[in-house]
Amino acid sequence: MDEVIPLVAILSIFVILPGMAMYFADRRRRWRHENQTQSSGNAQLTAVAERMERRIDALEQILDTESPGWRKKYHEHS
């Protein structure tokens, strides 16, 4: 029994503790990578939404010029 205690201590210091540190470092790295991916995805979606909004505004201006009463007609049918 007395020989087991030093063996457990050595294993804890050189195997278990570094293994736990590596595990938590990997989890932290994965968490950061996921957050970076999500934030870049959100930025892309925001850019697409802004482009779409500009296009819709341009189309509405064209319709206002070519068919002045289109808004009233649209709202009557909805």
N, C-alpha and C. Protein backbone atom coordinates (compact mmCIF):
# COMPACT_ATOMS: atom_id res chain seq x y z
N MET A 1 0.82 -1.20 0.00
CA MET A 1 0.00 0.00 0.00
C MET A 1 0.86 1.26 0.00
N ASP A 2 1.97 1.21 0.69
CA ASP A 2 2.85 2.38 0.76
C ASP A 2 3.49 2.69 -0.59
N GLU A 3 3.63 1.66 -1.48
CA GLU A 3 4.21 1.90 -2.80
C GLU A 3 3.21 2.56 -3.74
N VAL A 4 1.93 2.46 -3.46
CA VAL A 4 0.90 2.98 -4.34
C VAL A 4 0.79 4.51 -4.24
N ILE A 5 1.00 5.03 -3.06
CA ILE A 5 0.84 6.47 -2.85
C ILE A 5 1.82 7.27 -3.72
N PRO A 6 3.11 6.96 -3.75
CA PRO A 6 4.01 7.73 -4.63
C PRO A 6 3.65 7.56 -6.11
N LEU A 7 3.21 6.36 -6.50
CA LEU A 7 2.83 6.12 -7.88
C LEU A 7 1.62 6.99 -8.26
N VAL A 8 0.63 7.08 -7.40
CA VAL A 8 -0.54 7.91 -7.65
C VAL A 8 -0.14 9.39 -7.70
N ALA A 9 0.77 9.79 -6.84
CA ALA A 9 1.21 11.18 -6.83
C ALA A 9 1.93 11.52 -8.13
N ILE A 10 2.80 10.63 -8.58
CA ILE A 10 3.54 10.86 -9.82
C ILE A 10 2.59 10.89 -11.01
N LEU A 11 1.66 9.94 -11.06
CA LEU A 11 0.68 9.94 -12.14
C LEU A 11 -0.15 11.22 -12.13
N SER A 12 -0.55 11.67 -10.95
CA SER A 12 -1.35 12.89 -10.86
C SER A 12 -0.58 14.09 -11.37
N ILE A 13 0.67 14.21 -10.98
CA ILE A 13 1.46 15.38 -11.36
C ILE A 13 1.81 15.37 -12.84
N PHE A 14 2.20 14.23 -13.39
CA PHE A 14 2.72 14.20 -14.76
C PHE A 14 1.73 13.73 -15.83
N VAL A 15 0.59 13.15 -15.44
CA VAL A 15 -0.35 12.66 -16.44
C VAL A 15 -1.72 13.32 -16.29
N ILE A 16 -2.30 13.22 -15.13
CA ILE A 16 -3.68 13.67 -14.95
C ILE A 16 -3.79 15.20 -15.01
N LEU A 17 -2.96 15.91 -14.28
CA LEU A 17 -3.05 17.37 -14.28
C LEU A 17 -2.76 17.98 -15.65
N PRO A 18 -1.71 17.57 -16.36
CA PRO A 18 -1.52 18.12 -17.72
C PRO A 18 -2.65 17.73 -18.67
N GLY A 19 -3.18 16.53 -18.51
CA GLY A 19 -4.30 16.11 -19.34
C GLY A 19 -5.52 16.99 -19.12
N MET A 20 -5.80 17.31 -17.87
CA MET A 20 -6.93 18.19 -17.57
C MET A 20 -6.69 19.59 -18.13
N ALA A 21 -5.46 20.08 -18.00
CA ALA A 21 -5.14 21.41 -18.53
C ALA A 21 -5.31 21.43 -20.05
N MET A 22 -4.86 20.38 -20.72
CA MET A 22 -5.00 20.31 -22.18
C MET A 22 -6.48 20.22 -22.57
N TYR A 23 -7.27 19.48 -21.81
CA TYR A 23 -8.70 19.35 -22.09
C TYR A 23 -9.39 20.71 -22.00
N PHE A 24 -9.14 21.43 -20.91
CA PHE A 24 -9.80 22.72 -20.74
C PHE A 24 -9.29 23.76 -21.74
N ALA A 25 -8.02 23.69 -22.11
CA ALA A 25 -7.49 24.61 -23.12
C ALA A 25 -8.16 24.33 -24.48
N ASP A 26 -8.37 23.06 -24.80
CA ASP A 26 -9.04 22.72 -26.05
C ASP A 26 -10.49 23.19 -26.05
N ARG A 27 -11.18 23.02 -24.94
CA ARG A 27 -12.58 23.48 -24.84
C ARG A 27 -12.65 24.99 -25.02
N ARG A 28 -11.72 25.71 -24.42
CA ARG A 28 -11.68 27.17 -24.54
C ARG A 28 -11.42 27.59 -25.98
N ARG A 29 -10.49 26.89 -26.64
CA ARG A 29 -10.18 27.18 -28.04
C ARG A 29 -11.40 26.94 -28.91
N ARG A 30 -12.10 25.84 -28.72
CA ARG A 30 -13.30 25.54 -29.51
C ARG A 30 -14.40 26.56 -29.26
N TRP A 31 -14.57 26.99 -28.01
CA TRP A 31 -15.59 27.97 -27.66
C TRP A 31 -15.29 29.30 -28.37
N ARG A 32 -14.03 29.73 -28.34
CA ARG A 32 -13.65 30.97 -29.03
C ARG A 32 -13.87 30.86 -30.53
N HIS A 33 -13.52 29.71 -31.10
CA HIS A 33 -13.70 29.53 -32.54
C HIS A 33 -15.18 29.59 -32.91
N GLU A 34 -16.04 28.98 -32.13
CA GLU A 34 -17.49 29.02 -32.39
C GLU A 34 -18.02 30.44 -32.30
N ASN A 35 -17.55 31.20 -31.31
CA ASN A 35 -18.02 32.59 -31.16
C ASN A 35 -17.55 33.45 -32.32
N GLN A 36 -16.32 33.24 -32.80
CA GLN A 36 -15.81 34.00 -33.93
C GLN A 36 -16.60 33.67 -35.19
N THR A 37 -16.92 32.39 -35.37
CA THR A 37 -17.68 31.97 -36.55
C THR A 37 -19.07 32.58 -36.51
N GLN A 38 -19.71 32.59 -35.34
CA GLN A 38 -21.05 33.16 -35.23
C GLN A 38 -21.04 34.66 -35.47
N SER A 39 -20.04 35.35 -34.93
CA SER A 39 -20.02 36.80 -35.11
C SER A 39 -19.74 37.18 -36.55
N SER A 40 -18.89 36.40 -37.25
CA SER A 40 -18.65 36.70 -38.66
C SER A 40 -19.88 36.37 -39.49
N GLY A 41 -20.62 35.33 -39.11
CA GLY A 41 -21.86 35.00 -39.79
C GLY A 41 -22.90 36.09 -39.60
N ASN A 42 -22.96 36.64 -38.38
CA ASN A 42 -23.90 37.73 -38.11
C ASN A 42 -23.53 38.97 -38.92
N ALA A 43 -22.25 39.25 -39.07
CA ALA A 43 -21.81 40.41 -39.85
C ALA A 43 -22.21 40.22 -41.32
N GLN A 44 -22.07 39.01 -41.82
CA GLN A 44 -22.45 38.74 -43.21
C GLN A 44 -23.96 38.90 -43.40
N LEU A 45 -24.74 38.40 -42.45
CA LEU A 45 -26.20 38.54 -42.55
C LEU A 45 -26.61 40.00 -42.48
N THR A 46 -25.94 40.77 -41.64
CA THR A 46 -26.24 42.19 -41.55
C THR A 46 -25.94 42.90 -42.86
N ALA A 47 -24.82 42.56 -43.47
CA ALA A 47 -24.45 43.17 -44.75
C ALA A 47 -25.46 42.82 -45.84
N VAL A 48 -25.90 41.57 -45.87
CA VAL A 48 -26.90 41.15 -46.87
C VAL A 48 -28.21 41.88 -46.63
N ALA A 49 -28.62 42.01 -45.37
CA ALA A 49 -29.87 42.70 -45.06
C ALA A 49 -29.80 44.18 -45.46
N GLU A 50 -28.65 44.81 -45.25
CA GLU A 50 -28.51 46.22 -45.63
C GLU A 50 -28.56 46.39 -47.15
N ARG A 51 -27.92 45.47 -47.89
CA ARG A 51 -28.00 45.53 -49.35
C ARG A 51 -29.43 45.33 -49.83
N MET A 52 -30.13 44.40 -49.21
CA MET A 52 -31.52 44.14 -49.59
C MET A 52 -32.38 45.37 -49.30
N GLU A 53 -32.15 46.01 -48.18
CA GLU A 53 -32.93 47.21 -47.84
C GLU A 53 -32.69 48.32 -48.87
N ARG A 54 -31.43 48.50 -49.29
CA ARG A 54 -31.14 49.51 -50.32
C ARG A 54 -31.83 49.17 -51.64
N ARG A 55 -31.85 47.91 -51.99
CA ARG A 55 -32.52 47.48 -53.23
C ARG A 55 -34.02 47.74 -53.16
N ILE A 56 -34.63 47.41 -52.04
CA ILE A 56 -36.07 47.63 -51.88
C ILE A 56 -36.38 49.12 -51.96
N ASP A 57 -35.55 49.94 -51.31
CA ASP A 57 -35.76 51.39 -51.40
C ASP A 57 -35.68 51.87 -52.84
N ALA A 58 -34.71 51.35 -53.59
CA ALA A 58 -34.56 51.75 -55.00
C ALA A 58 -35.79 51.32 -55.81
N LEU A 59 -36.26 50.10 -55.57
CA LEU A 59 -37.46 49.62 -56.29
C LEU A 59 -38.69 50.46 -55.94
N GLU A 60 -38.83 50.84 -54.68
CA GLU A 60 -39.97 51.67 -54.29
C GLU A 60 -39.90 53.04 -54.95
N GLN A 61 -38.70 53.59 -55.08
CA GLN A 61 -38.55 54.88 -55.76
C GLN A 61 -38.94 54.76 -57.23
N ILE A 62 -38.54 53.67 -57.87
CA ILE A 62 -38.91 53.45 -59.26
C ILE A 62 -40.43 53.32 -59.40
N LEU A 63 -41.04 52.55 -58.51
CA LEU A 63 -42.49 52.40 -58.55
C LEU A 63 -43.20 53.71 -58.27
N ASP A 64 -42.68 54.51 -57.34
CA ASP A 64 -43.29 55.82 -57.07
C ASP A 64 -43.27 56.69 -58.32
N THR A 65 -42.20 56.59 -59.10
CA THR A 65 -42.08 57.41 -60.31
C THR A 65 -42.99 56.89 -61.42
N GLU A 66 -42.99 55.58 -61.62
CA GLU A 66 -43.71 55.02 -62.76
C GLU A 66 -45.18 54.73 -62.48
N SER A 67 -45.52 54.46 -61.23
CA SER A 67 -46.90 54.15 -60.88
C SER A 67 -47.21 54.80 -59.53
N PRO A 68 -47.53 56.10 -59.53
CA PRO A 68 -47.67 56.86 -58.29
C PRO A 68 -48.66 56.27 -57.28
N GLY A 69 -49.71 55.61 -57.68
CA GLY A 69 -50.70 55.12 -56.73
C GLY A 69 -50.50 53.68 -56.30
N TRP A 70 -49.35 53.12 -56.52
CA TRP A 70 -49.14 51.70 -56.23
C TRP A 70 -49.26 51.38 -54.75
N ARG A 71 -48.85 52.28 -53.90
CA ARG A 71 -48.94 52.00 -52.45
C ARG A 71 -50.39 51.89 -52.01
N LYS A 72 -51.24 52.79 -52.49
CA LYS A 72 -52.65 52.76 -52.11
C LYS A 72 -53.31 51.49 -52.64
N LYS A 73 -53.00 51.12 -53.89
CA LYS A 73 -53.58 49.90 -54.47
C LYS A 73 -53.12 48.67 -53.68
N TYR A 74 -51.87 48.64 -53.30
CA TYR A 74 -51.34 47.49 -52.57
C TYR A 74 -52.04 47.33 -51.23
N HIS A 75 -52.20 48.42 -50.52
CA HIS A 75 -52.78 48.35 -49.17
C HIS A 75 -54.27 48.01 -49.22
N GLU A 76 -54.96 48.30 -50.34
CA GLU A 76 -56.37 47.93 -50.46
C GLU A 76 -56.54 46.43 -50.60
N HIS A 77 -55.57 45.75 -51.19
CA HIS A 77 -55.69 44.31 -51.45
C HIS A 77 -55.17 43.47 -50.29
N SER A 78 -54.47 44.04 -49.34
CA SER A 78 -53.93 43.22 -48.27
C SER A 78 -54.82 43.13 -47.08
